[in-house]
Amino acid sequence: MSAVDTIETLIKLGSLLKDAALTKAGAGNIDWSAFLASPEYKQIKASIEGLLSKLGESDLDDAIRTLQEKQDALLGDKRLAELPTDKLIQFSELGDARLALTARKVKVAADAGFFGWLVSDALPVLIATAERIIPLVL
């Protein structure tokens, strides 16, 4: 799977989970273990499993590597301080997305740890940067 496909799959998966989990939890903190046993999760379970089946550990590793390569290409033989502002912003956004993916401490699976990481940590960064970083990694 390409880096773009991985990012788009994570955004779809995270958005679906967040919407259903917030329906159950309201404005409070999401209890992912309770959510996995809820009717709200059962309604989206097939969709979640379909998206997860497309996403493997190597896909996340490949996306991280691609984001790093794009950062390296932007930098070239310059120092970070020498980049023009538009390239510096691109470099920073690629780094934000790379760090969000690198920070994963859980295995890709339909479990509370992965869902919590995706919705709380990765999704906000990916949504904030996707529009600008996806064209950079194509």
N, C-alpha and C. Protein backbone atom coordinates (compact mmCIF):
# COMPACT_ATOMS: atom_id res chain seq x y z
N MET A 1 0.86 -1.17 0.00
CA MET A 1 0.00 0.00 0.00
C MET A 1 0.90 1.23 0.00
N SER A 2 0.54 2.23 -0.79
CA SER A 2 1.33 3.46 -0.84
C SER A 2 1.13 4.28 0.43
N ALA A 3 2.02 5.23 0.65
CA ALA A 3 1.91 6.12 1.82
C ALA A 3 0.58 6.87 1.79
N VAL A 4 0.18 7.33 0.61
CA VAL A 4 -1.09 8.06 0.48
C VAL A 4 -2.25 7.15 0.85
N ASP A 5 -2.25 5.92 0.35
CA ASP A 5 -3.32 4.98 0.67
C ASP A 5 -3.36 4.69 2.17
N THR A 6 -2.19 4.55 2.77
CA THR A 6 -2.12 4.30 4.22
C THR A 6 -2.71 5.47 5.00
N ILE A 7 -2.31 6.68 4.65
CA ILE A 7 -2.81 7.88 5.34
C ILE A 7 -4.32 8.00 5.16
N GLU A 8 -4.80 7.80 3.93
CA GLU A 8 -6.24 7.90 3.67
C GLU A 8 -7.01 6.81 4.42
N THR A 9 -6.46 5.60 4.49
CA THR A 9 -7.12 4.52 5.22
C THR A 9 -7.18 4.83 6.71
N LEU A 10 -6.09 5.36 7.27
CA LEU A 10 -6.08 5.74 8.68
C LEU A 10 -7.10 6.83 8.98
N ILE A 11 -7.22 7.80 8.07
CA ILE A 11 -8.19 8.87 8.27
C ILE A 11 -9.62 8.32 8.22
N LYS A 12 -9.90 7.45 7.26
CA LYS A 12 -11.24 6.85 7.18
C LYS A 12 -11.55 6.03 8.43
N LEU A 13 -10.60 5.21 8.81
CA LEU A 13 -10.77 4.35 9.97
C LEU A 13 -10.96 5.18 11.24
N GLY A 14 -10.09 6.16 11.43
CA GLY A 14 -10.18 7.00 12.62
C GLY A 14 -11.46 7.81 12.68
N SER A 15 -11.88 8.33 11.55
CA SER A 15 -13.12 9.13 11.51
C SER A 15 -14.34 8.28 11.84
N LEU A 16 -14.38 7.09 11.27
CA LEU A 16 -15.48 6.17 11.54
C LEU A 16 -15.53 5.79 13.02
N LEU A 17 -14.38 5.47 13.58
CA LEU A 17 -14.31 5.12 15.00
C LEU A 17 -14.68 6.29 15.89
N LYS A 18 -14.13 7.45 15.59
CA LYS A 18 -14.39 8.62 16.42
C LYS A 18 -15.87 8.97 16.44
N ASP A 19 -16.49 8.96 15.27
CA ASP A 19 -17.91 9.30 15.20
C ASP A 19 -18.75 8.32 16.02
N ALA A 20 -18.51 7.03 15.85
CA ALA A 20 -19.29 6.03 16.58
C ALA A 20 -19.00 6.07 18.08
N ALA A 21 -17.72 6.25 18.44
CA ALA A 21 -17.35 6.26 19.86
C ALA A 21 -17.90 7.49 20.57
N LEU A 22 -17.90 8.63 19.90
CA LEU A 22 -18.45 9.83 20.52
C LEU A 22 -19.96 9.76 20.63
N THR A 23 -20.61 9.03 19.74
CA THR A 23 -22.05 8.80 19.86
C THR A 23 -22.34 8.07 21.16
N LYS A 24 -21.48 7.10 21.49
CA LYS A 24 -21.66 6.34 22.73
C LYS A 24 -21.21 7.15 23.95
N ALA A 25 -20.05 7.80 23.87
CA ALA A 25 -19.46 8.45 25.04
C ALA A 25 -19.97 9.87 25.27
N GLY A 26 -20.57 10.47 24.28
CA GLY A 26 -20.93 11.87 24.41
C GLY A 26 -19.68 12.72 24.40
N ALA A 27 -19.65 13.75 25.21
CA ALA A 27 -18.50 14.64 25.23
C ALA A 27 -17.40 14.14 26.16
N GLY A 28 -17.64 13.04 26.86
CA GLY A 28 -16.66 12.54 27.82
C GLY A 28 -15.52 11.79 27.15
N ASN A 29 -14.62 11.29 27.97
CA ASN A 29 -13.52 10.47 27.47
C ASN A 29 -14.06 9.16 26.95
N ILE A 30 -13.44 8.66 25.94
CA ILE A 30 -13.88 7.40 25.34
C ILE A 30 -13.24 6.24 26.09
N ASP A 31 -14.07 5.32 26.54
CA ASP A 31 -13.60 4.08 27.14
C ASP A 31 -13.60 3.05 26.01
N TRP A 32 -12.42 2.82 25.44
CA TRP A 32 -12.33 1.98 24.24
C TRP A 32 -12.73 0.54 24.52
N SER A 33 -12.42 0.03 25.70
CA SER A 33 -12.82 -1.35 26.02
C SER A 33 -14.34 -1.48 26.05
N ALA A 34 -15.01 -0.52 26.68
CA ALA A 34 -16.47 -0.53 26.71
C ALA A 34 -17.04 -0.33 25.31
N PHE A 35 -16.40 0.53 24.53
CA PHE A 35 -16.88 0.79 23.18
C PHE A 35 -16.85 -0.48 22.34
N LEU A 36 -15.81 -1.31 22.48
CA LEU A 36 -15.71 -2.54 21.70
C LEU A 36 -16.84 -3.52 21.98
N ALA A 37 -17.48 -3.39 23.14
CA ALA A 37 -18.60 -4.26 23.49
C ALA A 37 -19.95 -3.60 23.22
N SER A 38 -19.94 -2.40 22.68
CA SER A 38 -21.17 -1.62 22.52
C SER A 38 -21.90 -1.92 21.22
N PRO A 39 -23.20 -1.59 21.18
CA PRO A 39 -23.97 -1.72 19.94
C PRO A 39 -23.42 -0.77 18.85
N GLU A 40 -22.89 0.37 19.27
CA GLU A 40 -22.33 1.33 18.30
C GLU A 40 -21.16 0.71 17.54
N TYR A 41 -20.32 -0.04 18.25
CA TYR A 41 -19.19 -0.70 17.58
C TYR A 41 -19.70 -1.83 16.69
N LYS A 42 -20.67 -2.58 17.18
CA LYS A 42 -21.20 -3.69 16.37
C LYS A 42 -21.75 -3.19 15.03
N GLN A 43 -22.31 -1.98 15.01
CA GLN A 43 -22.85 -1.43 13.78
C GLN A 43 -21.77 -1.12 12.74
N ILE A 44 -20.57 -0.80 13.19
CA ILE A 44 -19.50 -0.43 12.25
C ILE A 44 -18.42 -1.50 12.15
N LYS A 45 -18.57 -2.58 12.88
CA LYS A 45 -17.52 -3.60 12.97
C LYS A 45 -17.08 -4.12 11.60
N ALA A 46 -18.00 -4.41 10.72
CA ALA A 46 -17.65 -4.94 9.40
C ALA A 46 -16.83 -3.91 8.61
N SER A 47 -17.23 -2.65 8.68
CA SER A 47 -16.47 -1.61 7.99
C SER A 47 -15.07 -1.46 8.58
N ILE A 48 -14.98 -1.51 9.90
CA ILE A 48 -13.69 -1.40 10.58
C ILE A 48 -12.78 -2.56 10.17
N GLU A 49 -13.32 -3.76 10.21
CA GLU A 49 -12.52 -4.93 9.84
C GLU A 49 -12.09 -4.87 8.38
N GLY A 50 -12.95 -4.36 7.51
CA GLY A 50 -12.57 -4.21 6.11
C GLY A 50 -11.41 -3.24 5.93
N LEU A 51 -11.46 -2.11 6.63
CA LEU A 51 -10.36 -1.14 6.55
C LEU A 51 -9.09 -1.71 7.18
N LEU A 52 -9.22 -2.37 8.31
CA LEU A 52 -8.05 -2.95 8.97
C LEU A 52 -7.39 -4.03 8.12
N SER A 53 -8.20 -4.76 7.36
CA SER A 53 -7.63 -5.83 6.53
C SER A 53 -6.72 -5.27 5.44
N LYS A 54 -6.91 -4.01 5.10
CA LYS A 54 -6.06 -3.36 4.08
C LYS A 54 -4.77 -2.81 4.67
N LEU A 55 -4.69 -2.74 5.98
CA LEU A 55 -3.63 -2.01 6.66
C LEU A 55 -2.76 -2.95 7.48
N GLY A 56 -1.48 -2.99 7.16
CA GLY A 56 -0.57 -3.84 7.91
C GLY A 56 0.54 -3.03 8.56
N GLU A 57 1.28 -3.67 9.45
CA GLU A 57 2.40 -3.01 10.11
C GLU A 57 3.38 -2.46 9.08
N SER A 58 3.65 -3.22 8.04
CA SER A 58 4.62 -2.76 7.03
C SER A 58 4.11 -1.52 6.29
N ASP A 59 2.78 -1.37 6.17
CA ASP A 59 2.23 -0.19 5.53
C ASP A 59 2.54 1.06 6.34
N LEU A 60 2.41 0.97 7.66
CA LEU A 60 2.75 2.11 8.51
C LEU A 60 4.24 2.40 8.43
N ASP A 61 5.06 1.36 8.46
CA ASP A 61 6.51 1.55 8.36
C ASP A 61 6.89 2.17 7.01
N ASP A 62 6.25 1.72 5.94
CA ASP A 62 6.52 2.28 4.61
C ASP A 62 6.10 3.74 4.53
N ALA A 63 4.96 4.08 5.12
CA ALA A 63 4.50 5.47 5.12
C ALA A 63 5.47 6.36 5.90
N ILE A 64 5.94 5.87 7.03
CA ILE A 64 6.91 6.62 7.83
C ILE A 64 8.18 6.86 7.01
N ARG A 65 8.65 5.82 6.36
CA ARG A 65 9.87 5.92 5.54
C ARG A 65 9.66 6.90 4.38
N THR A 66 8.51 6.86 3.74
CA THR A 66 8.22 7.77 2.63
C THR A 66 8.19 9.22 3.11
N LEU A 67 7.56 9.47 4.24
CA LEU A 67 7.51 10.82 4.78
C LEU A 67 8.92 11.32 5.10
N GLN A 68 9.76 10.45 5.66
CA GLN A 68 11.15 10.82 5.95
C GLN A 68 11.91 11.13 4.66
N GLU A 69 11.70 10.32 3.64
CA GLU A 69 12.38 10.55 2.35
C GLU A 69 11.97 11.89 1.75
N LYS A 70 10.70 12.23 1.87
CA LYS A 70 10.23 13.52 1.34
C LYS A 70 10.82 14.68 2.13
N GLN A 71 10.96 14.50 3.44
CA GLN A 71 11.62 15.54 4.25
C GLN A 71 13.07 15.70 3.80
N ASP A 72 13.76 14.59 3.61
CA ASP A 72 15.16 14.64 3.17
C ASP A 72 15.29 15.32 1.82
N ALA A 73 14.35 15.02 0.90
CA ALA A 73 14.38 15.64 -0.43
C ALA A 73 14.14 17.14 -0.34
N LEU A 74 13.24 17.57 0.52
CA LEU A 74 12.99 19.01 0.70
C LEU A 74 14.23 19.72 1.23
N LEU A 75 14.91 19.06 2.14
CA LEU A 75 16.09 19.65 2.76
C LEU A 75 17.26 19.70 1.78
N GLY A 76 17.41 18.63 1.02
CA GLY A 76 18.53 18.58 0.07
C GLY A 76 19.84 18.74 0.79
N ASP A 77 20.68 19.65 0.27
CA ASP A 77 21.98 19.89 0.90
C ASP A 77 21.98 21.16 1.76
N LYS A 78 20.78 21.66 2.06
CA LYS A 78 20.65 22.88 2.85
C LYS A 78 20.46 22.55 4.33
N ARG A 79 20.68 23.53 5.15
CA ARG A 79 20.32 23.43 6.56
C ARG A 79 18.87 23.87 6.68
N LEU A 80 18.22 23.43 7.71
CA LEU A 80 16.80 23.73 7.91
C LEU A 80 16.55 25.24 7.88
N ALA A 81 17.40 26.00 8.49
CA ALA A 81 17.23 27.46 8.56
C ALA A 81 17.35 28.13 7.19
N GLU A 82 17.90 27.43 6.24
CA GLU A 82 18.08 27.99 4.89
C GLU A 82 16.87 27.76 3.98
N LEU A 83 15.93 26.95 4.41
CA LEU A 83 14.76 26.67 3.58
C LEU A 83 13.85 27.90 3.53
N PRO A 84 13.25 28.16 2.35
CA PRO A 84 12.25 29.22 2.30
C PRO A 84 11.03 28.82 3.14
N THR A 85 10.25 29.78 3.53
CA THR A 85 9.14 29.54 4.45
C THR A 85 8.19 28.45 3.95
N ASP A 86 7.82 28.46 2.68
CA ASP A 86 6.88 27.46 2.18
C ASP A 86 7.45 26.04 2.30
N LYS A 87 8.74 25.88 2.03
CA LYS A 87 9.38 24.56 2.14
C LYS A 87 9.55 24.17 3.61
N LEU A 88 9.79 25.14 4.46
CA LEU A 88 9.91 24.87 5.89
C LEU A 88 8.58 24.38 6.47
N ILE A 89 7.49 24.98 6.02
CA ILE A 89 6.16 24.54 6.45
C ILE A 89 5.90 23.11 5.97
N GLN A 90 6.23 22.83 4.73
CA GLN A 90 6.05 21.47 4.20
C GLN A 90 6.90 20.47 4.99
N PHE A 91 8.14 20.84 5.27
CA PHE A 91 9.04 19.98 6.03
C PHE A 91 8.44 19.69 7.41
N SER A 92 7.92 20.72 8.04
CA SER A 92 7.34 20.59 9.37
C SER A 92 6.10 19.70 9.36
N GLU A 93 5.24 19.88 8.38
CA GLU A 93 4.01 19.08 8.31
C GLU A 93 4.31 17.61 8.01
N LEU A 94 5.27 17.37 7.14
CA LEU A 94 5.69 15.99 6.90
C LEU A 94 6.23 15.37 8.18
N GLY A 95 6.98 16.16 8.94
CA GLY A 95 7.52 15.69 10.21
C GLY A 95 6.44 15.42 11.24
N ASP A 96 5.44 16.29 11.30
CA ASP A 96 4.33 16.07 12.23
C ASP A 96 3.63 14.75 11.94
N ALA A 97 3.34 14.50 10.67
CA ALA A 97 2.66 13.26 10.30
C ALA A 97 3.56 12.05 10.57
N ARG A 98 4.84 12.17 10.25
CA ARG A 98 5.78 11.08 10.50
C ARG A 98 5.87 10.76 11.99
N LEU A 99 5.96 11.81 12.81
CA LEU A 99 6.04 11.58 14.26
C LEU A 99 4.76 10.97 14.82
N ALA A 100 3.62 11.38 14.30
CA ALA A 100 2.35 10.80 14.76
C ALA A 100 2.32 9.30 14.46
N LEU A 101 2.80 8.91 13.29
CA LEU A 101 2.81 7.49 12.93
C LEU A 101 3.90 6.74 13.69
N THR A 102 5.04 7.39 13.88
CA THR A 102 6.15 6.75 14.59
C THR A 102 5.82 6.52 16.05
N ALA A 103 4.98 7.37 16.62
CA ALA A 103 4.66 7.29 18.04
C ALA A 103 3.75 6.12 18.38
N ARG A 104 3.30 5.39 17.38
CA ARG A 104 2.41 4.28 17.67
C ARG A 104 3.14 3.25 18.54
N LYS A 105 2.48 2.86 19.57
CA LYS A 105 3.07 1.88 20.49
C LYS A 105 2.22 0.61 20.52
N VAL A 106 1.32 0.52 19.59
CA VAL A 106 0.40 -0.61 19.58
C VAL A 106 0.41 -1.26 18.21
N LYS A 107 0.00 -2.47 18.18
CA LYS A 107 -0.09 -3.22 16.94
C LYS A 107 -1.38 -2.85 16.20
N VAL A 108 -1.34 -2.89 14.89
CA VAL A 108 -2.54 -2.62 14.09
C VAL A 108 -3.51 -3.78 14.33
N ALA A 109 -4.59 -3.48 15.04
CA ALA A 109 -5.58 -4.51 15.39
C ALA A 109 -6.85 -3.84 15.86
N ALA A 110 -7.92 -4.59 15.87
CA ALA A 110 -9.20 -4.08 16.36
C ALA A 110 -9.20 -4.19 17.88
N ASP A 111 -8.40 -3.33 18.51
CA ASP A 111 -8.37 -3.34 19.97
C ASP A 111 -8.31 -1.92 20.52
N ALA A 112 -8.50 -1.83 21.82
CA ALA A 112 -8.59 -0.53 22.48
C ALA A 112 -7.32 0.30 22.32
N GLY A 113 -6.16 -0.34 22.38
CA GLY A 113 -4.90 0.39 22.26
C GLY A 113 -4.73 1.04 20.90
N PHE A 114 -4.96 0.30 19.85
CA PHE A 114 -4.82 0.85 18.50
C PHE A 114 -5.88 1.92 18.24
N PHE A 115 -7.12 1.66 18.61
CA PHE A 115 -8.18 2.63 18.37
C PHE A 115 -7.92 3.92 19.15
N GLY A 116 -7.49 3.79 20.39
CA GLY A 116 -7.19 4.98 21.20
C GLY A 116 -6.07 5.81 20.59
N TRP A 117 -4.98 5.14 20.17
CA TRP A 117 -3.86 5.85 19.51
C TRP A 117 -4.34 6.54 18.24
N LEU A 118 -5.08 5.81 17.42
CA LEU A 118 -5.51 6.36 16.14
C LEU A 118 -6.39 7.59 16.31
N VAL A 119 -7.41 7.51 17.14
CA VAL A 119 -8.36 8.61 17.29
C VAL A 119 -7.76 9.78 18.07
N SER A 120 -7.02 9.49 19.12
CA SER A 120 -6.51 10.57 19.98
C SER A 120 -5.21 11.18 19.50
N ASP A 121 -4.31 10.37 18.96
CA ASP A 121 -2.98 10.84 18.61
C ASP A 121 -2.78 11.08 17.11
N ALA A 122 -3.06 10.08 16.31
CA ALA A 122 -2.75 10.17 14.89
C ALA A 122 -3.78 10.97 14.08
N LEU A 123 -5.06 10.72 14.32
CA LEU A 123 -6.11 11.35 13.51
C LEU A 123 -6.04 12.88 13.50
N PRO A 124 -5.88 13.53 14.65
CA PRO A 124 -5.83 15.00 14.60
C PRO A 124 -4.69 15.54 13.73
N VAL A 125 -3.54 14.88 13.79
CA VAL A 125 -2.39 15.32 12.99
C VAL A 125 -2.63 15.03 11.51
N LEU A 126 -3.12 13.84 11.21
CA LEU A 126 -3.34 13.48 9.81
C LEU A 126 -4.40 14.36 9.16
N ILE A 127 -5.47 14.65 9.88
CA ILE A 127 -6.51 15.51 9.32
C ILE A 127 -5.97 16.92 9.09
N ALA A 128 -5.17 17.39 10.03
CA ALA A 128 -4.64 18.76 9.92
C ALA A 128 -3.62 18.91 8.80
N THR A 129 -2.93 17.83 8.46
CA THR A 129 -1.85 17.95 7.48
C THR A 129 -2.12 17.25 6.14
N ALA A 130 -3.09 16.38 6.08
CA ALA A 130 -3.30 15.54 4.90
C ALA A 130 -3.44 16.33 3.60
N GLU A 131 -4.20 17.39 3.63
CA GLU A 131 -4.43 18.16 2.40
C GLU A 131 -3.13 18.68 1.80
N ARG A 132 -2.17 18.99 2.65
CA ARG A 132 -0.91 19.54 2.16
C ARG A 132 0.17 18.49 1.97
N ILE A 133 0.16 17.40 2.77
CA ILE A 133 1.25 16.43 2.63
C ILE A 133 0.98 15.37 1.57
N ILE A 134 -0.28 15.05 1.31
CA ILE A 134 -0.57 14.02 0.31
C ILE A 134 0.00 14.39 -1.06
N PRO A 135 -0.16 15.63 -1.53
CA PRO A 135 0.46 15.96 -2.81
C PRO A 135 2.00 15.83 -2.78
N LEU A 136 2.59 15.99 -1.63
CA LEU A 136 4.05 15.89 -1.52
C LEU A 136 4.54 14.45 -1.61
N VAL A 137 3.71 13.49 -1.22
CA VAL A 137 4.16 12.10 -1.22
C VAL A 137 3.66 11.31 -2.43
N LEU A 138 2.94 11.96 -3.31
CA LEU A 138 2.48 11.27 -4.52
C LEU A 138 3.64 10.99 -5.46
